[in-house]
Structure formats: structure tokens, C-alpha cells
Amino acid sequence: MSQLECVDLVKAYGGKIALDHVNLQVPKGKIVGLLGPNGSGKTTLIKLANGLLTPNSGQILVDGKKPGKDTKAIVSYLPERTYFADWMSVEQTLRYFSDFYEDFDRTRAEQMLHQLGIENKMKIRQMSKGTREKLQLILVMSRDAQLFLLDEPIGGVDPATRDYILHTILANYNPNATIIISTHLIADVEQILDEVVFIHNGKIIEHTSVDRIREEKGMSVDAYFREVFKCSENW
């Protein structure tokens, strides 16, 4: 069974089509890059998988179920923007996750926070953007979820923070879980990916393995992406 499946999935905002008859199967136990330019439909697809949006037609399934109460228990979602209030402390965010998610491993989270020197009493408003990104990712990756949906986890942060974020993803990766990383910063993430899904104007252009791109095309994922999307500009 696929961890995530889309069947003729359509989502529109008013008269604008965000996802156009998407068919996709993401297997269990893979780290998958959802790759495309800004506005290509990446965030819409992730929000649908997390149950924040509903499709206009077609269906999306998580572990064989429609997004809802049952799937929220197995999905760990990192939104593109931080959602904690500025007045909250690290301790309050830890309690928040402990209260809401039975699979949250507080000990794991505190170990990573300690490694970074992020103290429980620190307030969100005292943190840099990079530290906020690290905190939220640590919380999300400290769940024993089956599907992790990470929307632009390295967007807008410095290279050192990107390296830490990618290390955190790998260090906390359950081989039986699936991670979907939405990003347009392909060169930074391709070393941790098993598969890639190219999306453009709400359509899936290609879904293939990273090894296949390197072996058959003889190029990096980033280089292949640029080649494919250069051709797609005329579509």
C-alpha cells in the first residue's frame, strides 16, 4: 500500500486551478522531494494531505484513508511559516506537542534542543528566524509518525541552518516512515532524497528515483530539474 495516493486530484481556488488531475503514489519508507517553482502546487498538495483543504474532485488517501481524524494521528506536518505565538516559551511548545500528540517523544526533542543551546525558558520572540525554524522542525521530527510533510523546511535560512535541518531529518528518520519535502532549493536537499516528484502548474511532470536520474541521465537532480523545466516553459 502507498503511504500517500492521489487519484485524479483537482483543487481550485476560485477560477484558478492549483492541482490539475494529479495521480501520484508515494511508497512507504522513502524520502521524497516534491520539487517545483513557487506557485506550482506543492503547498496545496501538502495541505490536502494534512486535511487542511478538501479537493474539488478526485481523492487523496493517506495510508489508504481520507485525511481526517485517523490520519492526523500518523501525519506530522511542518508548515512553511512558524505558527507559535511570540509570547510562547520553548517549554510551552513542548507541552503543546505533548498534549496534542501521543507519539511525541519529549526526551528526543529536549536532547536536540540542548545540543543547540536552546533553553526551555527562551521565548519565541527572542529567537532568530533560523532558531525558530530549528525549534519547529525538532518538534515535528520528534514524533513517531508514519508520514512527515515538510513544507519548505530550508527556505529563507542560512546554509549552516540548512545543514543542521537536513541532519536532523536524517538522524530522526524511521526507515518505515515516509518523508515528503517540498522545496525549490533542490541542490541543498538532493543528497538525502530517494525519489523526486516534479510538479509544475498543478501537474505532475515526472516521478522517478534519484538513482535513476544519476545513472540514466548522468547528472544531478538539480541539473536535471533545470533541464526539464527549461523545456516545460513552453507548455
Protein backbone atom coordinates (compact mmCIF):
# COMPACT_ATOMS: atom_id res chain seq x y z
CA MET A 1 0.00 0.00 0.00
CA SER A 2 1.17 3.52 -0.77
CA GLN A 3 1.70 5.91 2.12
CA LEU A 4 0.20 8.72 0.04
CA GLU A 5 -2.01 8.29 -3.02
CA CYS A 6 -3.70 10.82 -5.28
CA VAL A 7 -6.32 9.80 -7.84
CA ASP A 8 -7.40 12.42 -10.41
CA LEU A 9 -6.96 15.02 -7.67
CA VAL A 10 -8.24 18.51 -8.51
CA LYS A 11 -8.07 21.61 -6.33
CA ALA A 12 -9.08 25.08 -7.46
CA TYR A 13 -9.19 28.48 -5.76
CA GLY A 14 -11.96 30.42 -7.43
CA GLY A 15 -11.25 30.09 -11.13
CA LYS A 16 -7.58 29.17 -10.73
CA ILE A 17 -6.59 25.50 -10.87
CA ALA A 18 -3.94 24.73 -8.25
CA LEU A 19 -3.82 20.96 -8.83
CA ASP A 20 -4.91 19.55 -12.18
CA HIS A 21 -5.91 15.86 -12.16
CA VAL A 22 -2.92 14.72 -10.12
CA ASN A 23 -2.22 10.99 -9.99
CA LEU A 24 0.54 10.01 -7.61
CA GLN A 25 1.64 7.09 -5.44
CA VAL A 26 4.30 7.61 -2.78
CA PRO A 27 5.57 4.36 -1.25
CA LYS A 28 6.33 3.75 2.40
CA GLY A 29 9.86 4.10 3.71
CA LYS A 30 11.10 6.75 1.28
CA ILE A 31 12.34 10.34 1.46
CA VAL A 32 10.66 12.08 -1.44
CA GLY A 33 11.31 15.56 -2.79
CA LEU A 34 8.24 17.44 -4.02
CA LEU A 35 10.04 19.82 -6.35
CA GLY A 36 8.78 22.75 -8.37
CA PRO A 37 8.87 26.52 -8.73
CA ASN A 38 6.91 28.76 -6.39
CA GLY A 39 3.21 28.56 -7.19
CA SER A 40 3.45 25.11 -8.76
CA GLY A 41 1.02 23.44 -6.31
CA LYS A 42 3.42 21.98 -3.72
CA THR A 43 1.87 23.63 -0.66
CA THR A 44 -1.66 22.89 -1.85
CA LEU A 45 -0.85 19.18 -2.18
CA ILE A 46 0.71 19.07 1.29
CA LYS A 47 -2.26 20.89 2.85
CA LEU A 48 -4.65 18.44 1.20
CA ALA A 49 -2.65 15.50 2.58
CA ASN A 50 -2.79 17.08 6.04
CA GLY A 51 -6.56 17.62 5.84
CA LEU A 52 -6.36 21.42 5.86
CA LEU A 53 -8.01 21.62 2.44
CA THR A 54 -10.56 19.45 0.66
CA PRO A 55 -10.36 18.52 -3.04
CA ASN A 56 -12.81 19.78 -5.64
CA SER A 57 -12.78 16.33 -7.21
CA GLY A 58 -10.77 13.13 -7.16
CA GLN A 59 -9.34 11.86 -3.92
CA ILE A 60 -6.26 11.84 -1.75
CA LEU A 61 -5.50 8.98 0.62
CA VAL A 62 -3.03 8.68 3.49
CA ASP A 63 -2.31 5.07 4.40
CA GLY A 64 -5.44 4.16 2.48
CA LYS A 65 -7.69 6.61 4.35
CA LYS A 66 -9.11 10.02 3.51
CA PRO A 67 -7.42 12.80 5.52
CA GLY A 68 -9.22 13.26 8.83
CA LYS A 69 -9.02 12.32 12.50
CA ASP A 70 -7.44 8.92 11.84
CA THR A 71 -4.71 10.26 9.57
CA LYS A 72 -3.83 13.23 11.80
CA ALA A 73 -2.59 10.73 14.36
CA ILE A 74 0.03 9.40 11.91
CA VAL A 75 0.95 12.59 9.99
CA SER A 76 3.50 15.11 11.27
CA TYR A 77 3.26 18.43 9.41
CA LEU A 78 5.76 21.27 9.19
CA PRO A 79 4.09 24.34 7.63
CA GLU A 80 6.03 26.85 5.59
CA ARG A 81 5.59 29.51 8.29
CA THR A 82 6.06 29.21 12.04
CA TYR A 83 2.75 29.18 13.87
CA PHE A 84 3.73 29.56 17.51
CA ALA A 85 2.84 32.85 19.20
CA ASP A 86 5.76 35.16 20.01
CA TRP A 87 4.93 35.11 23.74
CA MET A 88 5.31 31.33 24.00
CA SER A 89 8.38 29.77 25.57
CA VAL A 90 10.15 26.62 24.41
CA GLU A 91 8.69 24.84 27.44
CA GLN A 92 5.18 25.83 26.35
CA THR A 93 5.76 24.48 22.83
CA LEU A 94 6.96 21.19 24.31
CA ARG A 95 3.83 20.95 26.45
CA TYR A 96 1.69 21.82 23.42
CA PHE A 97 3.11 18.93 21.41
CA SER A 98 2.95 16.57 24.40
CA ASP A 99 -0.73 17.40 24.92
CA PHE A 100 -1.75 17.09 21.27
CA TYR A 101 0.31 14.14 20.03
CA GLU A 102 0.53 10.80 21.80
CA ASP A 103 3.54 9.83 19.69
CA PHE A 104 5.60 12.90 20.67
CA ASP A 105 8.96 11.97 22.21
CA ARG A 106 9.74 14.86 24.53
CA THR A 107 13.07 13.37 25.61
CA ARG A 108 14.25 13.25 21.99
CA ALA A 109 13.19 16.85 21.43
CA GLU A 110 14.91 18.10 24.57
CA GLN A 111 18.15 16.35 23.64
CA MET A 112 18.27 18.13 20.29
CA LEU A 113 17.33 21.47 21.82
CA HIS A 114 20.08 21.04 24.41
CA GLN A 115 22.63 20.34 21.65
CA LEU A 116 21.75 23.72 20.14
CA GLY A 117 21.80 25.57 23.44
CA ILE A 118 18.08 26.38 23.15
CA GLU A 119 16.82 26.66 26.72
CA ASN A 120 13.27 25.80 27.80
CA LYS A 121 12.71 29.28 29.21
CA MET A 122 13.59 31.04 25.94
CA LYS A 123 10.72 32.92 24.29
CA ILE A 124 9.88 32.66 20.60
CA ARG A 125 10.23 36.43 20.22
CA GLN A 126 13.86 36.21 21.39
CA MET A 127 14.80 33.80 18.61
CA SER A 128 16.28 34.42 15.19
CA LYS A 129 14.39 33.10 12.17
CA GLY A 130 16.84 30.20 11.92
CA THR A 131 16.37 29.22 15.56
CA ARG A 132 12.58 29.32 15.17
CA GLU A 133 12.88 27.05 12.12
CA LYS A 134 15.08 24.64 14.09
CA LEU A 135 12.68 24.55 17.05
CA GLN A 136 9.65 23.81 14.93
CA LEU A 137 11.45 21.13 12.91
CA ILE A 138 12.74 19.46 16.09
CA LEU A 139 9.20 19.30 17.45
CA VAL A 140 7.82 17.88 14.21
CA MET A 141 10.61 15.31 13.82
CA SER A 142 10.29 14.19 17.46
CA ARG A 143 7.03 12.44 16.68
CA ASP A 144 6.93 8.75 15.78
CA ALA A 145 4.72 9.48 12.79
CA GLN A 146 4.28 7.41 9.64
CA LEU A 147 4.18 10.35 7.23
CA PHE A 148 6.15 13.58 7.61
CA LEU A 149 5.07 16.51 5.44
CA LEU A 150 7.73 19.23 5.44
CA ASP A 151 6.81 22.39 3.52
CA GLU A 152 9.91 24.42 2.59
CA PRO A 153 11.88 23.36 5.71
CA ILE A 154 15.06 25.10 4.49
CA GLY A 155 13.52 28.18 2.86
CA GLY A 156 14.91 31.52 3.99
CA VAL A 157 17.58 30.24 6.38
CA ASP A 158 21.38 30.37 6.17
CA PRO A 159 23.48 27.46 4.83
CA ALA A 160 24.61 26.35 8.31
CA THR A 161 20.99 26.13 9.45
CA ARG A 162 20.10 24.21 6.28
CA ASP A 163 22.81 21.66 7.06
CA TYR A 164 21.52 21.25 10.61
CA ILE A 165 17.94 20.83 9.40
CA LEU A 166 18.90 18.16 6.87
CA HIS A 167 20.98 16.36 9.50
CA THR A 168 18.01 16.47 11.90
CA ILE A 169 15.73 14.96 9.27
CA LEU A 170 18.14 12.09 8.60
CA ALA A 171 19.04 11.47 12.25
CA ASN A 172 15.39 11.09 13.21
CA TYR A 173 14.27 9.16 10.17
CA ASN A 174 12.32 5.99 10.87
CA PRO A 175 13.07 3.70 7.88
CA ASN A 176 9.42 2.58 7.87
CA ALA A 177 8.13 6.15 7.68
CA THR A 178 7.76 8.37 4.64
CA ILE A 179 9.07 11.92 4.41
CA ILE A 180 7.86 14.35 1.76
CA ILE A 181 9.95 17.51 1.48
CA SER A 182 8.52 20.37 -0.54
CA THR A 183 11.18 22.77 -1.77
CA HIS A 184 12.56 24.73 -4.70
CA LEU A 185 16.11 24.58 -3.25
CA ILE A 186 16.95 21.29 -4.92
CA ALA A 187 20.75 21.34 -4.72
CA ASP A 188 20.56 21.64 -0.93
CA VAL A 189 18.33 18.61 -0.34
CA GLU A 190 19.01 16.15 -3.15
CA GLN A 191 21.68 14.24 -1.19
CA ILE A 192 19.06 12.92 1.25
CA LEU A 193 16.32 12.09 -1.29
CA ASP A 194 15.31 8.63 -2.56
CA GLU A 195 12.72 9.83 -5.08
CA VAL A 196 11.61 13.09 -6.67
CA VAL A 197 8.26 14.37 -7.90
CA PHE A 198 8.45 17.30 -10.32
CA ILE A 199 5.34 19.48 -10.27
CA HIS A 200 4.56 22.47 -12.50
CA ASN A 201 1.35 24.46 -12.89
CA GLY A 202 -0.51 21.90 -10.81
CA LYS A 203 0.55 18.93 -12.94
CA ILE A 204 2.95 16.10 -12.13
CA ILE A 205 5.66 16.23 -14.79
CA GLU A 206 7.78 13.36 -13.54
CA HIS A 207 8.07 10.91 -10.62
CA THR A 208 11.28 8.92 -10.54
CA SER A 209 14.14 7.76 -8.32
CA VAL A 210 17.23 9.83 -7.67
CA ASP A 211 19.45 6.88 -8.62
CA ARG A 212 17.74 6.59 -11.98
CA ILE A 213 18.36 10.26 -12.77
CA ARG A 214 22.04 9.93 -11.90
CA GLU A 215 22.52 6.63 -13.73
CA GLU A 216 20.41 7.20 -16.85
CA LYS A 217 20.77 10.95 -17.26
CA GLY A 218 24.29 11.25 -15.90
CA MET A 219 23.50 14.42 -14.00
CA SER A 220 22.45 15.71 -10.60
CA VAL A 221 18.80 16.10 -9.66
CA ASP A 222 19.25 19.88 -9.70
CA ALA A 223 20.73 19.85 -13.22
CA TYR A 224 18.01 17.50 -14.49
CA PHE A 225 15.31 19.63 -12.89
CA ARG A 226 16.64 22.71 -14.68
CA GLU A 227 16.66 20.83 -17.99
CA VAL A 228 13.09 19.55 -17.57
CA PHE A 229 11.72 22.90 -16.51
CA LYS A 230 13.50 24.73 -19.28
CA CYS A 231 11.54 22.54 -21.68
CA SER A 232 8.32 22.98 -19.69
CA GLU A 233 8.42 26.76 -20.04
CA ASN A 234 6.77 26.34 -23.44
CA TRP A 235 4.00 24.08 -22.17
